[in-house]
Protein backbone atom coordinates (compact mmCIF):
# COMPACT_ATOMS: atom_id res chain seq x y z
CA MET A 1 259.42 6.48 -73.37
CA ASN A 2 258.47 3.79 -70.63
CA SER A 3 256.83 0.53 -71.27
CA THR A 4 253.27 1.83 -70.08
CA LEU A 5 253.35 5.15 -72.45
CA ALA A 6 254.49 3.02 -75.38
CA ILE A 7 251.56 0.43 -74.70
CA ALA A 8 248.85 3.63 -74.56
CA ALA A 9 250.36 5.29 -77.55
CA CYS A 10 250.09 2.04 -79.56
CA CYS A 11 246.67 1.10 -78.55
CA LEU A 12 245.30 4.19 -79.32
CA SER A 13 246.68 4.30 -82.64
CA PHE A 14 244.20 1.84 -83.57
CA VAL A 15 241.19 3.40 -81.73
CA PRO A 16 238.50 4.15 -84.61
CA VAL A 17 237.25 7.88 -84.24
CA LEU A 18 233.59 8.45 -83.99
CA VAL A 19 232.62 11.69 -86.18
CA ALA A 20 229.12 12.80 -85.10
CA GLN A 21 226.85 12.66 -87.81
CA SER A 22 223.89 15.58 -88.37
CA VAL A 23 220.20 15.75 -89.95
CA THR A 24 219.27 18.78 -91.68
CA VAL A 25 215.27 19.29 -92.74
CA PRO A 26 213.51 22.58 -93.70
CA ALA A 27 212.13 24.81 -91.06
CA THR A 28 208.68 24.27 -92.53
CA VAL A 29 207.01 22.00 -95.04
CA GLU A 30 203.31 22.39 -96.16
CA ALA A 31 201.11 19.71 -95.80
CA GLY A 32 201.55 16.78 -98.37
CA ASN A 33 204.56 18.71 -100.19
CA ALA A 34 207.72 16.65 -100.95
CA PHE A 35 210.71 17.68 -99.19
CA ARG A 36 214.41 16.56 -98.51
CA VAL A 37 216.21 15.22 -95.41
CA SER A 38 220.05 15.59 -95.65
CA THR A 39 222.73 13.99 -93.35
CA THR A 40 226.00 13.38 -92.54
CA GLY A 41 228.33 10.34 -91.98
CA ALA A 42 228.15 6.67 -93.90
CA GLY A 43 226.49 3.54 -93.62
CA GLN A 44 223.25 2.34 -93.05
CA ALA A 45 220.97 4.02 -90.29
CA LYS A 46 217.19 4.33 -89.43
CA LEU A 47 215.17 7.55 -90.03
CA TYR A 48 212.15 8.16 -87.97
CA ILE A 49 209.88 11.30 -88.33
CA VAL A 50 207.43 11.47 -85.29
CA GLY A 51 204.57 13.97 -85.07
CA PRO A 52 200.76 14.44 -84.83
CA GLU A 53 199.37 11.68 -85.76
CA GLN A 54 201.98 10.52 -87.84
CA VAL A 55 204.90 8.25 -87.66
CA LEU A 56 207.17 7.62 -90.98
CA LYS A 57 210.18 4.89 -90.39
CA ARG A 58 212.87 4.61 -93.39
CA ASP A 59 216.00 2.61 -93.86
CA VAL A 60 218.55 5.00 -95.27
CA GLN A 61 221.86 5.44 -96.10
CA LEU A 62 223.71 8.22 -94.28
CA GLY A 63 225.56 11.08 -96.46
CA GLU A 64 223.06 10.82 -99.22
CA PRO A 65 219.84 12.99 -99.53
CA ILE A 66 216.29 11.55 -98.24
CA GLU A 67 213.61 12.15 -100.26
CA ILE A 68 210.14 12.56 -98.62
CA PRO A 69 207.59 11.91 -101.37
CA ALA A 70 204.70 13.95 -101.62
CA GLY A 71 201.54 12.96 -99.58
CA SER A 72 203.86 11.42 -96.98
CA LEU A 73 203.00 14.33 -94.34
CA TYR A 74 199.72 16.10 -94.28
CA SER A 75 198.87 16.51 -90.67
CA ALA A 76 200.02 19.96 -89.41
CA GLY A 77 201.87 20.30 -86.34
CA HIS A 78 205.10 19.90 -84.96
CA TYR A 79 207.56 17.04 -85.94
CA ILE A 80 210.81 15.58 -84.76
CA VAL A 81 213.36 13.85 -86.85
CA ALA A 82 215.63 11.29 -85.59
CA VAL A 83 218.65 9.12 -87.06
CA SER A 84 219.93 6.07 -85.67
CA GLY A 85 223.17 4.92 -86.50
CA ALA A 86 226.60 5.15 -85.16
CA SER A 87 225.34 7.83 -83.20
CA SER A 88 222.06 9.67 -82.76
CA SER A 89 220.91 12.95 -84.23
CA THR A 90 217.86 14.77 -84.24
CA ALA A 91 216.05 17.70 -85.88
CA GLU A 92 212.71 19.72 -85.51
CA PHE A 93 210.41 21.03 -88.19
CA ASP A 94 206.81 22.22 -88.49
CA VAL A 95 204.30 21.11 -91.04
CA LEU A 96 202.06 23.91 -92.09
CA PRO A 97 198.33 23.50 -93.26
CA ALA A 98 198.00 23.83 -97.04
CA ALA A 99 197.76 27.29 -98.55
CA GLN A 100 194.33 26.85 -100.27
CA PRO A 101 191.02 26.36 -98.32
CA ALA A 102 189.60 23.13 -99.57
CA SER A 103 186.32 22.93 -97.24
CA VAL A 104 184.10 25.11 -95.10
CA SER A 105 182.65 23.57 -92.08
CA PHE A 106 179.51 25.88 -91.41
CA LEU A 107 177.10 25.72 -88.16
CA ALA A 108 174.08 27.91 -88.15
CA ARG A 109 171.71 28.37 -85.10
CA PRO A 110 168.93 27.94 -84.28
CA SER A 111 167.28 25.99 -87.04
CA ARG A 112 164.00 27.66 -86.74
CA LEU A 113 163.22 30.85 -85.49
CA GLN A 114 160.61 33.82 -85.29
CA ALA A 115 160.95 36.50 -88.39
CA GLY A 116 161.84 39.88 -87.93
CA LEU A 117 164.50 39.21 -84.90
CA HIS A 118 167.56 41.47 -84.59
CA ASN A 119 170.69 39.56 -84.85
CA GLY A 120 168.66 36.10 -84.38
CA ILE A 121 170.61 34.09 -86.70
CA THR A 122 174.25 33.09 -85.70
CA GLY A 123 176.58 31.54 -87.90
CA ALA A 124 180.37 29.86 -87.49
CA ALA A 125 182.40 29.07 -90.37
CA TYR A 126 185.94 26.98 -90.00
CA VAL A 127 188.25 26.95 -92.92
CA PHE A 128 190.06 23.51 -93.71
CA ASP A 129 192.73 22.53 -96.37
CA THR A 130 192.49 19.37 -98.27
CA TYR A 131 193.90 17.20 -95.37
CA GLY A 132 191.52 18.82 -93.06
CA ASN A 133 193.76 21.19 -91.19
CA LEU A 134 192.57 24.12 -89.88
CA LEU A 135 193.74 26.97 -92.07
CA LEU A 136 195.29 29.47 -89.53
CA ALA A 137 196.07 32.17 -91.86
CA PRO A 138 193.15 34.65 -92.00
CA GLU A 139 190.40 33.76 -94.85
CA GLN A 140 187.82 36.35 -96.05
CA VAL A 141 184.58 34.49 -95.46
CA SER A 142 181.35 35.94 -96.91
CA PHE A 143 177.98 35.33 -95.50
CA GLU A 144 175.03 35.49 -97.17
CA LEU A 145 171.20 35.11 -95.70
CA THR A 146 168.73 35.23 -98.21
CA GLY A 147 165.14 35.09 -97.53
CA PRO A 148 161.91 33.62 -99.20
CA ASN A 149 161.43 36.78 -101.34
CA GLY A 150 165.08 37.20 -102.64
CA ALA A 151 165.80 39.59 -99.78
CA GLN A 152 169.71 39.33 -98.80
CA GLN A 153 171.77 40.29 -96.66
CA LYS A 154 175.85 40.18 -97.06
CA ARG A 155 178.66 40.48 -94.99
CA GLU A 156 182.30 39.82 -95.07
CA VAL A 157 184.33 38.59 -91.91
CA PRO A 158 187.91 37.70 -91.81
CA THR A 159 188.88 34.28 -89.91
CA HIS A 160 191.00 34.79 -86.57
CA GLU A 161 192.83 31.50 -85.98
CA GLY A 162 190.51 29.72 -88.37
CA ALA A 163 187.33 30.89 -87.34
CA ALA A 164 185.00 33.50 -88.17
CA TRP A 165 181.48 33.98 -86.58
CA ILE A 166 178.66 36.30 -87.49
CA ALA A 167 175.24 37.17 -85.83
CA MET A 168 172.42 38.14 -88.51
CA ASP A 169 168.59 39.48 -88.48
CA SER A 170 166.17 36.97 -89.60
CA THR A 171 164.23 38.18 -92.27
CA THR A 172 161.07 39.63 -92.12
CA GLN A 173 158.99 36.89 -94.37
CA GLN A 174 158.05 33.36 -93.01
CA GLY A 175 159.54 30.35 -94.82
CA ALA A 176 162.86 28.71 -95.40
CA ASP A 177 166.14 31.34 -95.76
CA LYS A 178 169.44 30.18 -97.19
CA PHE A 179 171.99 31.01 -95.15
CA VAL A 180 175.61 30.27 -97.08
CA ALA A 181 179.20 30.62 -96.19
CA ARG A 182 181.53 31.09 -98.67
CA VAL A 183 185.76 31.39 -99.09
CA GLY A 184 186.23 32.21 -103.00
CA ASP A 185 184.49 29.01 -104.82
CA ILE A 186 183.81 26.75 -101.85
CA ALA A 187 180.36 27.23 -100.09
CA SER A 188 178.40 25.38 -97.45
CA THR A 189 174.77 26.30 -97.14
CA ARG A 190 172.55 25.78 -94.17
CA ILE A 191 168.33 26.22 -94.22
CA VAL A 192 166.87 28.06 -91.49
CA THR A 193 163.20 27.93 -90.78
CA GLN A 194 161.46 30.94 -90.23
CA VAL A 195 158.16 31.22 -88.14
CA PRO A 196 155.61 34.36 -87.71
CA GLY A 197 156.39 36.28 -84.82
CA ASP A 198 154.05 36.99 -81.81
CA PRO A 199 150.68 38.63 -83.20
CA CYS A 200 150.84 42.58 -83.69
CA GLY A 201 148.54 45.30 -84.36
CA LEU A 202 145.58 42.91 -82.88
CA LYS A 203 141.91 44.76 -83.91
CA MET A 204 138.83 43.33 -83.50
CA ASN A 205 135.18 44.51 -84.48
CA VAL A 206 131.83 44.29 -82.66
CA HIS A 207 128.39 43.47 -83.91
CA ALA A 208 125.14 43.11 -81.62
CA ALA A 209 122.60 40.16 -82.66
CA GLY A 210 119.71 40.32 -79.86
CA GLN A 211 120.91 39.85 -76.49
CA VAL A 212 124.70 38.84 -77.37
CA LEU A 213 127.55 40.44 -79.04
CA GLN A 214 129.36 39.01 -81.75
CA LEU A 215 133.31 39.51 -81.78
CA GLU A 216 135.64 39.00 -84.30
CA THR A 217 139.54 39.79 -84.73
CA ASP A 218 140.74 41.03 -88.26
CA PRO A 219 143.11 38.49 -89.54
CA VAL A 220 145.90 38.23 -86.94
CA LYS A 221 149.37 38.75 -88.38
CA ASP A 222 152.58 39.54 -86.53
CA CYS A 223 154.64 42.67 -87.03
CA SER A 224 156.26 41.67 -90.23
CA GLY A 225 152.68 41.28 -91.74
CA ASN A 226 153.10 37.25 -91.38
CA ALA A 227 149.85 35.18 -90.59
CA VAL A 228 149.63 34.32 -87.36
CA PRO A 229 149.28 30.06 -87.39
CA ASP A 230 145.87 28.73 -86.53
CA GLY A 231 145.77 27.38 -83.07
CA THR A 232 146.97 30.64 -81.52
CA ILE A 233 145.11 31.92 -78.36
CA VAL A 234 143.28 35.04 -78.41
CA THR A 235 141.75 35.96 -75.45
CA PHE A 236 138.81 38.43 -75.11
CA THR A 237 137.66 40.06 -71.74
CA GLU A 238 134.36 41.73 -71.13
CA THR A 239 134.10 44.13 -67.84
CA SER A 240 130.79 45.58 -66.17
CA ASN A 241 129.83 46.65 -63.12
CA GLY A 242 132.94 45.18 -61.35
CA ASP A 243 132.25 41.71 -63.16
CA LYS A 244 134.64 40.57 -65.59
CA SER A 245 134.21 37.93 -68.12
CA THR A 246 137.02 35.96 -69.98
CA VAL A 247 137.17 34.02 -72.86
CA ASP A 248 139.88 32.26 -74.81
CA VAL A 249 139.48 31.39 -78.49
CA PRO A 250 142.04 29.79 -80.61
CA LEU A 251 142.42 31.44 -83.90
CA LYS A 252 140.73 29.53 -87.00
CA ARG A 253 141.34 30.65 -90.63
CA GLY A 254 143.39 33.33 -89.06
CA VAL A 255 140.55 34.97 -87.14
CA ALA A 256 139.02 34.74 -83.65
CA LYS A 257 135.26 34.83 -82.99
CA VAL A 258 132.98 34.49 -79.94
CA GLU A 259 129.76 35.85 -78.64
CA MET A 260 129.46 37.73 -75.35
CA PRO A 261 126.59 39.20 -73.42
CA ALA A 262 125.52 42.59 -74.56
CA VAL A 263 125.59 44.57 -71.29
CA ARG A 264 125.40 48.39 -71.76
CA GLY A 265 128.41 50.20 -70.19
CA ALA A 266 130.31 47.09 -70.75
CA VAL A 267 134.07 47.51 -71.74
CA ILE A 268 135.38 44.49 -73.95
CA THR A 269 139.32 44.04 -74.77
CA VAL A 270 141.09 41.79 -76.92
CA ALA A 271 144.83 40.23 -76.30
CA SER A 272 147.18 37.69 -77.70
CA GLY A 273 150.27 37.09 -75.04
CA VAL A 274 151.39 40.21 -74.85
CA ALA A 275 149.79 41.80 -77.50
CA LEU A 276 146.69 44.19 -76.67
CA GLY A 277 144.15 44.99 -79.08
CA ASN A 278 141.74 47.57 -79.27
CA GLN A 279 139.44 48.23 -76.45
CA VAL A 280 135.43 48.94 -77.14
CA ARG A 281 132.63 50.30 -74.55
CA TRP A 282 129.73 49.10 -75.41
CA GLU A 283 126.76 51.80 -74.98
CA LYS A 284 123.72 50.59 -77.16
């Protein structure tokens, strides 16, 4: 052996061999649960766990199990584990939302609408775990709409990607409806106020009083039987010999009253908004 080879062989015998360390983690961890990280190698190292909104740092001993206690990781998402020491190693895992729902965020629109509207009320529910993670696994949401008279609509809707939505008819009676989204024993409630709809079945009565006609409506109600509020405008129109007279009168105590000239052959009509009432021809 020549001198160069002898020196090289001597030096190589004293070079330490670095064995690459490895890190092992579960593929998935439920939010808030404890879990274990395993490493190979020996000596001191730094452990880093990095994910959505969270970073953990630990001083660890390589080759010994590393226990991550319950409550350490709670934000669902994808995480990277890195161990730095004589050599570096990484691994990846996912934190999943907790298995049980803990809260329901419920949006109901509108907060005020007319009674008796088909699909007039919409609701959207979002299901979260105790750490505020959106539960992506399907959950059954019960939507319940209860009117002032106790009439109830109820439908079951599964969530899709954490959300469930629905459209329901507003109930026929004016007042406050209770709209509830329920998942198991967890419920969220909203109040939807229902007001009377447009006048419906408008009817007037005509009586002579000397040279004038006294016109008066029956109590004005919507198509569901709710009293239309005072202040709603009712229009009386009298047509005679090509001339037309129109008077707008607000409801007062549920009815509208007006006096118009008593003209033989006059045609009198009544309307409120788009609702037309009866027509009277005065022949006396």
